[in-house]
Every structure is written in structure tokens, then in C-alpha cells.
PDB file of N, CA and C in Angstrom:
ATOM      1  N   MET A   1       0.848  -1.175   0.000  1.00  0.00           N
ATOM      2  CA  MET A   1       0.000   0.000   0.000  1.00  0.00           C
ATOM      3  C   MET A   1       0.888   1.231   0.000  1.00  0.00           C
ATOM      4  N   MET A   2       0.594   2.164  -0.900  1.00  0.00           N
ATOM      5  CA  MET A   2       1.333   3.432  -0.979  1.00  0.00           C
ATOM      6  C   MET A   2       0.352   4.582  -0.838  1.00  0.00           C
ATOM      7  N   HIS A   3       0.761   5.602  -0.117  1.00  0.00           N
ATOM      8  CA  HIS A   3      -0.086   6.763   0.139  1.00  0.00           C
ATOM      9  C   HIS A   3       0.644   8.039  -0.247  1.00  0.00           C
ATOM     10  N   GLY A   4      -0.084   9.144  -0.255  1.00  0.00           N
ATOM     11  CA  GLY A   4       0.512  10.459  -0.430  1.00  0.00           C
ATOM     12  C   GLY A   4       0.672  10.926  -1.864  1.00  0.00           C
ATOM     13  N   PHE A   5       0.045  10.244  -2.819  1.00  0.00           N
ATOM     14  CA  PHE A   5       0.098  10.709  -4.199  1.00  0.00           C
ATOM     15  C   PHE A   5      -0.977  11.767  -4.424  1.00  0.00           C
ATOM     16  N   LYS A   6      -0.752  12.644  -5.395  1.00  0.00           N
ATOM     17  CA  LYS A   6      -1.688  13.711  -5.726  1.00  0.00           C
ATOM     18  C   LYS A   6      -2.544  13.278  -6.914  1.00  0.00           C
ATOM     19  N   ALA A   7      -3.709  12.754  -6.646  1.00  0.00           N
ATOM     20  CA  ALA A   7      -4.643  12.279  -7.669  1.00  0.00           C
ATOM     21  C   ALA A   7      -3.986  11.305  -8.639  1.00  0.00           C
ATOM     22  N   PRO A   8      -3.523  10.142  -8.141  1.00  0.00           N
ATOM     23  CA  PRO A   8      -2.938   9.149  -9.046  1.00  0.00           C
ATOM     24  C   PRO A   8      -3.997   8.611  -9.997  1.00  0.00           C
ATOM     25  N   HIS A   9      -3.616   8.448 -11.245  1.00  0.00           N
ATOM     26  CA  HIS A   9      -4.594   7.989 -12.220  1.00  0.00           C
ATOM     27  C   HIS A   9      -4.281   6.608 -12.767  1.00  0.00           C
ATOM     28  N   ASP A  10      -2.992   6.251 -12.839  1.00  0.00           N
ATOM     29  CA  ASP A  10      -2.598   4.945 -13.349  1.00  0.00           C
ATOM     30  C   ASP A  10      -1.220   4.611 -12.792  1.00  0.00           C
ATOM     31  N   ALA A  11      -0.884   3.324 -12.748  1.00  0.00           N
ATOM     32  CA  ALA A  11       0.415   2.902 -12.232  1.00  0.00           C
ATOM     33  C   ALA A  11       0.810   1.565 -12.839  1.00  0.00           C
ATOM     34  N   ILE A  12       2.122   1.351 -12.968  1.00  0.00           N
ATOM     35  CA  ILE A  12       2.644   0.054 -13.398  1.00  0.00           C
ATOM     36  C   ILE A  12       3.894  -0.269 -12.599  1.00  0.00           C
ATOM     37  N   ARG A  13       4.161  -1.549 -12.431  1.00  0.00           N
ATOM     38  CA  ARG A  13       5.363  -2.008 -11.738  1.00  0.00           C
ATOM     39  C   ARG A  13       6.436  -2.302 -12.784  1.00  0.00           C
ATOM     40  N   LEU A  14       7.652  -1.825 -12.514  1.00  0.00           N
ATOM     41  CA  LEU A  14       8.788  -2.071 -13.397  1.00  0.00           C
ATOM     42  C   LEU A  14       9.532  -3.324 -12.956  1.00  0.00           C
ATOM     43  N   ALA A  15      10.394  -3.818 -13.805  1.00  0.00           N
ATOM     44  CA  ALA A  15      11.134  -5.057 -13.537  1.00  0.00           C
ATOM     45  C   ALA A  15      11.968  -4.978 -12.268  1.00  0.00           C
ATOM     46  N   ASP A  16      12.443  -3.776 -11.906  1.00  0.00           N
ATOM     47  CA  ASP A  16      13.270  -3.630 -10.700  1.00  0.00           C
ATOM     48  C   ASP A  16      12.448  -3.516  -9.425  1.00  0.00           C
ATOM     49  N   GLY A  17      11.115  -3.589  -9.542  1.00  0.00           N
ATOM     50  CA  GLY A  17      10.238  -3.519  -8.374  1.00  0.00           C
ATOM     51  C   GLY A  17       9.714  -2.132  -8.071  1.00  0.00           C
ATOM     52  N   SER A  18      10.255  -1.104  -8.715  1.00  0.00           N
ATOM     53  CA  SER A  18       9.736   0.243  -8.493  1.00  0.00           C
ATOM     54  C   SER A  18       8.410   0.401  -9.241  1.00  0.00           C
ATOM     55  N   ILE A  19       7.699   1.460  -8.914  1.00  0.00           N
ATOM     56  CA  ILE A  19       6.378   1.714  -9.481  1.00  0.00           C
ATOM     57  C   ILE A  19       6.400   3.060 -10.198  1.00  0.00           C
ATOM     58  N   LEU A  20       5.821   3.109 -11.401  1.00  0.00           N
ATOM     59  CA  LEU A  20       5.599   4.382 -12.081  1.00  0.00           C
ATOM     60  C   LEU A  20       4.152   4.777 -11.856  1.00  0.00           C
ATOM     61  N   VAL A  21       3.932   6.036 -11.490  1.00  0.00           N
ATOM     62  CA  VAL A  21       2.592   6.526 -11.192  1.00  0.00           C
ATOM     63  C   VAL A  21       2.338   7.803 -11.978  1.00  0.00           C
ATOM     64  N   ASN A  22       1.229   7.836 -12.714  1.00  0.00           N
ATOM     65  CA  ASN A  22       0.760   9.065 -13.354  1.00  0.00           C
ATOM     66  C   ASN A  22       0.016   9.860 -12.304  1.00  0.00           C
ATOM     67  N   GLU A  23       0.532  11.028 -11.941  1.00  0.00           N
ATOM     68  CA  GLU A  23      -0.133  11.886 -10.972  1.00  0.00           C
ATOM     69  C   GLU A  23      -0.843  13.007 -11.708  1.00  0.00           C
ATOM     70  N   LEU A  24      -2.143  12.908 -11.779  1.00  0.00           N
ATOM     71  CA  LEU A  24      -2.930  13.944 -12.421  1.00  0.00           C
ATOM     72  C   LEU A  24      -2.811  15.256 -11.650  1.00  0.00           C
ATOM     73  N   GLY A  25      -2.776  15.167 -10.325  1.00  0.00           N
ATOM     74  CA  GLY A  25      -2.724  16.364  -9.482  1.00  0.00           C
ATOM     75  C   GLY A  25      -1.443  17.173  -9.612  1.00  0.00           C
ATOM     76  N   SER A  26      -0.325  16.519  -9.897  1.00  0.00           N
ATOM     77  CA  SER A  26       0.942  17.247 -10.048  1.00  0.00           C
ATOM     78  C   SER A  26       1.394  17.326 -11.503  1.00  0.00           C
ATOM     79  N   LYS A  27       0.602  16.739 -12.406  1.00  0.00           N
ATOM     80  CA  LYS A  27       0.911  16.720 -13.838  1.00  0.00           C
ATOM     81  C   LYS A  27       2.260  16.066 -14.100  1.00  0.00           C
ATOM     82  N   SER A  28       2.554  14.975 -13.370  1.00  0.00           N
ATOM     83  CA  SER A  28       3.872  14.355 -13.425  1.00  0.00           C
ATOM     84  C   SER A  28       3.809  12.834 -13.539  1.00  0.00           C
ATOM     85  N   LEU A  29       4.888  12.280 -14.045  1.00  0.00           N
ATOM     86  CA  LEU A  29       5.118  10.837 -13.995  1.00  0.00           C
ATOM     87  C   LEU A  29       6.140  10.628 -12.893  1.00  0.00           C
ATOM     88  N   ILE A  30       5.765   9.888 -11.868  1.00  0.00           N
ATOM     89  CA  ILE A  30       6.575   9.684 -10.667  1.00  0.00           C
ATOM     90  C   ILE A  30       7.085   8.260 -10.627  1.00  0.00           C
ATOM     91  N   ARG A  31       8.342   8.096 -10.218  1.00  0.00           N
ATOM     92  CA  ARG A  31       8.890   6.759  -9.961  1.00  0.00           C
ATOM     93  C   ARG A  31       9.008   6.613  -8.449  1.00  0.00           C
ATOM     94  N   ALA A  32       8.364   5.582  -7.901  1.00  0.00           N
ATOM     95  CA  ALA A  32       8.362   5.349  -6.459  1.00  0.00           C
ATOM     96  C   ALA A  32       9.024   4.015  -6.166  1.00  0.00           C
ATOM     97  N   GLY A  33       9.850   3.997  -5.144  1.00  0.00           N
ATOM     98  CA  GLY A  33      10.515   2.776  -4.744  1.00  0.00           C
ATOM     99  C   GLY A  33      10.819   2.802  -3.260  1.00  0.00           C
ATOM    100  N   GLY A  34      11.575   1.842  -2.813  1.00  0.00           N
ATOM    101  CA  GLY A  34      11.906   1.768  -1.394  1.00  0.00           C
ATOM    102  C   GLY A  34      10.730   1.269  -0.581  1.00  0.00           C
ATOM    103  N   GLU A  35      10.888   1.312   0.727  1.00  0.00           N
ATOM    104  CA  GLU A  35       9.852   0.826   1.627  1.00  0.00           C
ATOM    105  C   GLU A  35       8.570   1.639   1.490  1.00  0.00           C
ATOM    106  N   HIS A  36       7.492   0.978   1.135  1.00  0.00           N
ATOM    107  CA  HIS A  36       6.174   1.588   0.954  1.00  0.00           C
ATOM    108  C   HIS A  36       6.179   2.712  -0.092  1.00  0.00           C
ATOM    109  N   GLY A  37       7.150   2.704  -1.012  1.00  0.00           N
ATOM    110  CA  GLY A  37       7.199   3.711  -2.073  1.00  0.00           C
ATOM    111  C   GLY A  37       7.528   5.103  -1.612  1.00  0.00           C
ATOM    112  N   LYS A  38       8.213   5.210  -0.467  1.00  0.00           N
ATOM    113  CA  LYS A  38       8.514   6.526   0.094  1.00  0.00           C
ATOM    114  C   LYS A  38       9.605   7.274  -0.674  1.00  0.00           C
ATOM    115  N   ASP A  39      10.447   6.549  -1.409  1.00  0.00           N
ATOM    116  CA  ASP A  39      11.491   7.190  -2.208  1.00  0.00           C
ATOM    117  C   ASP A  39      10.902   7.504  -3.580  1.00  0.00           C
ATOM    118  N   ARG A  40      10.769   8.784  -3.895  1.00  0.00           N
ATOM    119  CA  ARG A  40      10.089   9.180  -5.133  1.00  0.00           C
ATOM    120  C   ARG A  40      10.888  10.241  -5.892  1.00  0.00           C
ATOM    121  N   ASN A  41      10.818  10.141  -7.225  1.00  0.00           N
ATOM    122  CA  ASN A  41      11.384  11.205  -8.043  1.00  0.00           C
ATOM    123  C   ASN A  41      10.512  11.414  -9.273  1.00  0.00           C
ATOM    124  N   VAL A  42      10.522  12.643  -9.759  1.00  0.00           N
ATOM    125  CA  VAL A  42       9.740  13.014 -10.933  1.00  0.00           C
ATOM    126  C   VAL A  42      10.546  12.683 -12.175  1.00  0.00           C
ATOM    127  N   LEU A  43       9.983  11.847 -13.040  1.00  0.00           N
ATOM    128  CA  LEU A  43      10.639  11.537 -14.310  1.00  0.00           C
ATOM    129  C   LEU A  43      10.277  12.560 -15.370  1.00  0.00           C
ATOM    130  N   ILE A  44       9.015  12.970 -15.404  1.00  0.00           N
ATOM    131  CA  ILE A  44       8.537  13.978 -16.351  1.00  0.00           C
ATOM    132  C   ILE A  44       7.539  14.860 -15.624  1.00  0.00           C
ATOM    133  N   GLY A  45       7.651  16.159 -15.808  1.00  0.00           N
ATOM    134  CA  GLY A  45       6.688  17.103 -15.256  1.00  0.00           C
ATOM    135  C   GLY A  45       5.941  17.795 -16.386  1.00  0.00           C
ATOM    136  N   ASP A  46       5.017  18.637 -16.032  1.00  0.00           N
ATOM    137  CA  ASP A  46       4.239  19.432 -16.988  1.00  0.00           C
ATOM    138  C   ASP A  46       3.465  18.595 -18.001  1.00  0.00           C
ATOM    139  N   LEU A  47       3.008  17.417 -17.591  1.00  0.00           N
ATOM    140  CA  LEU A  47       2.148  16.618 -18.457  1.00  0.00           C
ATOM    141  C   LEU A  47       0.757  17.243 -18.473  1.00  0.00           C
ATOM    142  N   GLU A  48       0.067  17.142 -19.577  1.00  0.00           N
ATOM    143  CA  GLU A  48      -1.249  17.758 -19.720  1.00  0.00           C
ATOM    144  C   GLU A  48      -2.347  16.700 -19.575  1.00  0.00           C
ATOM    145  N   GLY A  49      -2.690  16.419 -18.346  1.00  0.00           N
ATOM    146  CA  GLY A  49      -3.736  15.431 -18.074  1.00  0.00           C
ATOM    147  C   GLY A  49      -3.252  14.003 -18.214  1.00  0.00           C
ATOM    148  N   PRO A  50      -2.194  13.615 -17.467  1.00  0.00           N
ATOM    149  CA  PRO A  50      -1.684  12.243 -17.572  1.00  0.00           C
ATOM    150  C   PRO A  50      -2.705  11.237 -17.064  1.00  0.00           C
ATOM    151  N   VAL A  51      -3.174  10.369 -17.955  1.00  0.00           N
ATOM    152  CA  VAL A  51      -4.222   9.430 -17.554  1.00  0.00           C
ATOM    153  C   VAL A  51      -3.876   7.969 -17.789  1.00  0.00           C
ATOM    154  N   GLY A  52      -3.209   7.644 -18.865  1.00  0.00           N
ATOM    155  CA  GLY A  52      -2.918   6.247 -19.171  1.00  0.00           C
ATOM    156  C   GLY A  52      -1.443   5.943 -19.069  1.00  0.00           C
ATOM    157  N   LEU A  53      -1.129   4.687 -18.750  1.00  0.00           N
ATOM    158  CA  LEU A  53       0.251   4.275 -18.575  1.00  0.00           C
ATOM    159  C   LEU A  53       0.332   2.787 -18.872  1.00  0.00           C
ATOM    160  N   VAL A  54       1.263   2.402 -19.742  1.00  0.00           N
ATOM    161  CA  VAL A  54       1.426   0.985 -20.060  1.00  0.00           C
ATOM    162  C   VAL A  54       2.899   0.712 -20.347  1.00  0.00           C
ATOM    163  N   GLY A  55       3.355  -0.468 -19.939  1.00  0.00           N
ATOM    164  CA  GLY A  55       4.729  -0.879 -20.196  1.00  0.00           C
ATOM    165  C   GLY A  55       4.828  -1.676 -21.475  1.00  0.00           C
ATOM    166  N   GLY A  56       5.911  -1.484 -22.221  1.00  0.00           N
ATOM    167  CA  GLY A  56       6.142  -2.217 -23.456  1.00  0.00           C
ATOM    168  C   GLY A  56       7.080  -3.387 -23.243  1.00  0.00           C
ATOM    169  N   PRO A  57       7.266  -4.230 -24.257  1.00  0.00           N
ATOM    170  CA  PRO A  57       8.046  -5.452 -24.124  1.00  0.00           C
ATOM    171  C   PRO A  57       9.551  -5.244 -23.962  1.00  0.00           C
ATOM    172  N   LYS A  58      10.058  -4.066 -24.312  1.00  0.00           N
ATOM    173  CA  LYS A  58      11.502  -3.813 -24.223  1.00  0.00           C
ATOM    174  C   LYS A  58      11.849  -2.809 -23.129  1.00  0.00           C
ATOM    175  N   GLY A  59      10.957  -2.651 -22.156  1.00  0.00           N
ATOM    176  CA  GLY A  59      11.209  -1.737 -21.048  1.00  0.00           C
ATOM    177  C   GLY A  59      10.742  -0.317 -21.293  1.00  0.00           C
ATOM    178  N   GLU A  60      10.189  -0.051 -22.458  1.00  0.00           N
ATOM    179  CA  GLU A  60       9.674   1.285 -22.717  1.00  0.00           C
ATOM    180  C   GLU A  60       8.332   1.468 -22.006  1.00  0.00           C
ATOM    181  N   VAL A  61       7.962   2.719 -21.832  1.00  0.00           N
ATOM    182  CA  VAL A  61       6.714   3.050 -21.164  1.00  0.00           C
ATOM    183  C   VAL A  61       5.968   4.045 -22.046  1.00  0.00           C
ATOM    184  N   TYR A  62       4.668   3.846 -22.168  1.00  0.00           N
ATOM    185  CA  TYR A  62       3.826   4.747 -22.939  1.00  0.00           C
ATOM    186  C   TYR A  62       2.909   5.498 -21.974  1.00  0.00           C
ATOM    187  N   VAL A  63       2.916   6.822 -22.097  1.00  0.00           N
ATOM    188  CA  VAL A  63       2.113   7.691 -21.245  1.00  0.00           C
ATOM    189  C   VAL A  63       1.126   8.438 -22.134  1.00  0.00           C
ATOM    190  N   THR A  64      -0.139   8.440 -21.767  1.00  0.00           N
ATOM    191  CA  THR A  64      -1.111   9.217 -22.531  1.00  0.00           C
ATOM    192  C   THR A  64      -1.492  10.469 -21.759  1.00  0.00           C
ATOM    193  N   GLU A  65      -1.714  11.537 -22.524  1.00  0.00           N
ATOM    194  CA  GLU A  65      -2.136  12.816 -21.965  1.00  0.00           C
ATOM    195  C   GLU A  65      -3.494  13.155 -22.575  1.00  0.00           C
ATOM    196  N   ALA A  66      -4.491  13.357 -21.722  1.00  0.00           N
ATOM    197  CA  ALA A  66      -5.863  13.553 -22.171  1.00  0.00           C
ATOM    198  C   ALA A  66      -6.085  14.900 -22.858  1.00  0.00           C
ATOM    199  N   LEU A  67      -5.529  15.967 -22.325  1.00  0.00           N
ATOM    200  CA  LEU A  67      -5.863  17.292 -22.847  1.00  0.00           C
ATOM    201  C   LEU A  67      -5.367  17.523 -24.274  1.00  0.00           C
ATOM    202  N   PRO A  68      -4.115  17.179 -24.609  1.00  0.00           N
ATOM    203  CA  PRO A  68      -3.699  17.345 -25.997  1.00  0.00           C
ATOM    204  C   PRO A  68      -4.040  16.126 -26.864  1.00  0.00           C
ATOM    205  N   GLY A  69      -4.497  15.045 -26.230  1.00  0.00           N
ATOM    206  CA  GLY A  69      -4.840  13.834 -26.978  1.00  0.00           C
ATOM    207  C   GLY A  69      -3.632  13.176 -27.617  1.00  0.00           C
ATOM    208  N   ARG A  70      -2.577  13.001 -26.835  1.00  0.00           N
ATOM    209  CA  ARG A  70      -1.359  12.398 -27.381  1.00  0.00           C
ATOM    210  C   ARG A  70      -0.798  11.350 -26.430  1.00  0.00           C
ATOM    211  N   SER A  71       0.126  10.569 -26.950  1.00  0.00           N
ATOM    212  CA  SER A  71       0.847   9.610 -26.124  1.00  0.00           C
ATOM    213  C   SER A  71       2.338   9.824 -26.347  1.00  0.00           C
ATOM    214  N   ARG A  72       3.127   9.458 -25.349  1.00  0.00           N
ATOM    215  CA  ARG A  72       4.579   9.579 -25.419  1.00  0.00           C
ATOM    216  C   ARG A  72       5.194   8.228 -25.110  1.00  0.00           C
ATOM    217  N   ARG A  73       6.303   7.934 -25.769  1.00  0.00           N
ATOM    218  CA  ARG A  73       7.050   6.714 -25.473  1.00  0.00           C
ATOM    219  C   ARG A  73       8.321   7.132 -24.741  1.00  0.00           C
ATOM    220  N   LEU A  74       8.577   6.468 -23.622  1.00  0.00           N
ATOM    221  CA  LEU A  74       9.725   6.799 -22.779  1.00  0.00           C
ATOM    222  C   LEU A  74      10.529   5.556 -22.477  1.00  0.00           C
ATOM    223  N   LYS A  75      11.779   5.749 -22.174  1.00  0.00           N
ATOM    224  CA  LYS A  75      12.581   4.659 -21.630  1.00  0.00           C
ATOM    225  C   LYS A  75      12.508   4.765 -20.121  1.00  0.00           C
ATOM    226  N   ALA A  76      12.229   3.679 -19.464  1.00  0.00           N
ATOM    227  CA  ALA A  76      12.134   3.676 -17.995  1.00  0.00           C
ATOM    228  C   ALA A  76      13.496   3.310 -17.419  1.00  0.00           C
ATOM    229  N   THR A  77      14.490   4.142 -17.698  1.00  0.00           N
ATOM    230  CA  THR A  77      15.846   3.817 -17.295  1.00  0.00           C
ATOM    231  C   THR A  77      16.420   4.771 -16.258  1.00  0.00           C
ATOM    232  N   ALA A  78      15.589   5.647 -15.707  1.00  0.00           N
ATOM    233  CA  ALA A  78      16.096   6.575 -14.696  1.00  0.00           C
ATOM    234  C   ALA A  78      16.589   5.796 -13.483  1.00  0.00           C
ATOM    235  N   LYS A  79      17.504   6.394 -12.745  1.00  0.00           N
ATOM    236  CA  LYS A  79      18.033   5.728 -11.559  1.00  0.00           C
ATOM    237  C   LYS A  79      16.910   5.433 -10.573  1.00  0.00           C
ATOM    238  N   LYS A  80      17.048   4.333  -9.876  1.00  0.00           N
ATOM    239  CA  LYS A  80      16.070   3.992  -8.853  1.00  0.00           C
ATOM    240  C   LYS A  80      16.136   5.052  -7.763  1.00  0.00           C
ATOM    241  N   PRO A  81      14.966   5.407  -7.193  1.00  0.00           N
ATOM    242  CA  PRO A  81      14.972   6.389  -6.110  1.00  0.00           C
ATOM    243  C   PRO A  81      15.671   5.866  -4.880  1.00  0.00           C
TER     244      PRO A  81
END
């Protein structure tokens, strides 16, 4: 169980055990790890309505933004928090 997110809309678990969370409230994609997800860092900010999140077969991550009606492909290779 993880708490303290600002309007989380979607989340996925990465191979290393960390979690990616789309925070609608902060307009960010957050990577959470450590005990109860307390270690967090912003991978992308200024997202316009982050709502969807899905992992791809090669470690890539797709993020959808509702307001502009677009999706982005990212590499989930940032350092673990």
C-alpha cells in the first residue's frame, strides 16, 4: 500500500520492483521505490492530463495525456529512487 500521491490515475510495476505513477494532481510521472514507495522522483513534469500508462516489451513506457490527446514513449531507465 502506498499513500501520499496527488490524484494518481494509473500505475505500473517495473522489472526492478519500483512503481511508475501518473499523478494527475501534479501533472507528473513519478517513480516510487523503497519501503512503501517513500522514495520518489519526478521523471517527467508538466504533463497535460496524464491518464494512461502501459509498459512495453523492451522496457519502454507509454504515457497518454488527455488534454492534448497524445501519447509519449519513454525509456524507464532513470536511476532507482
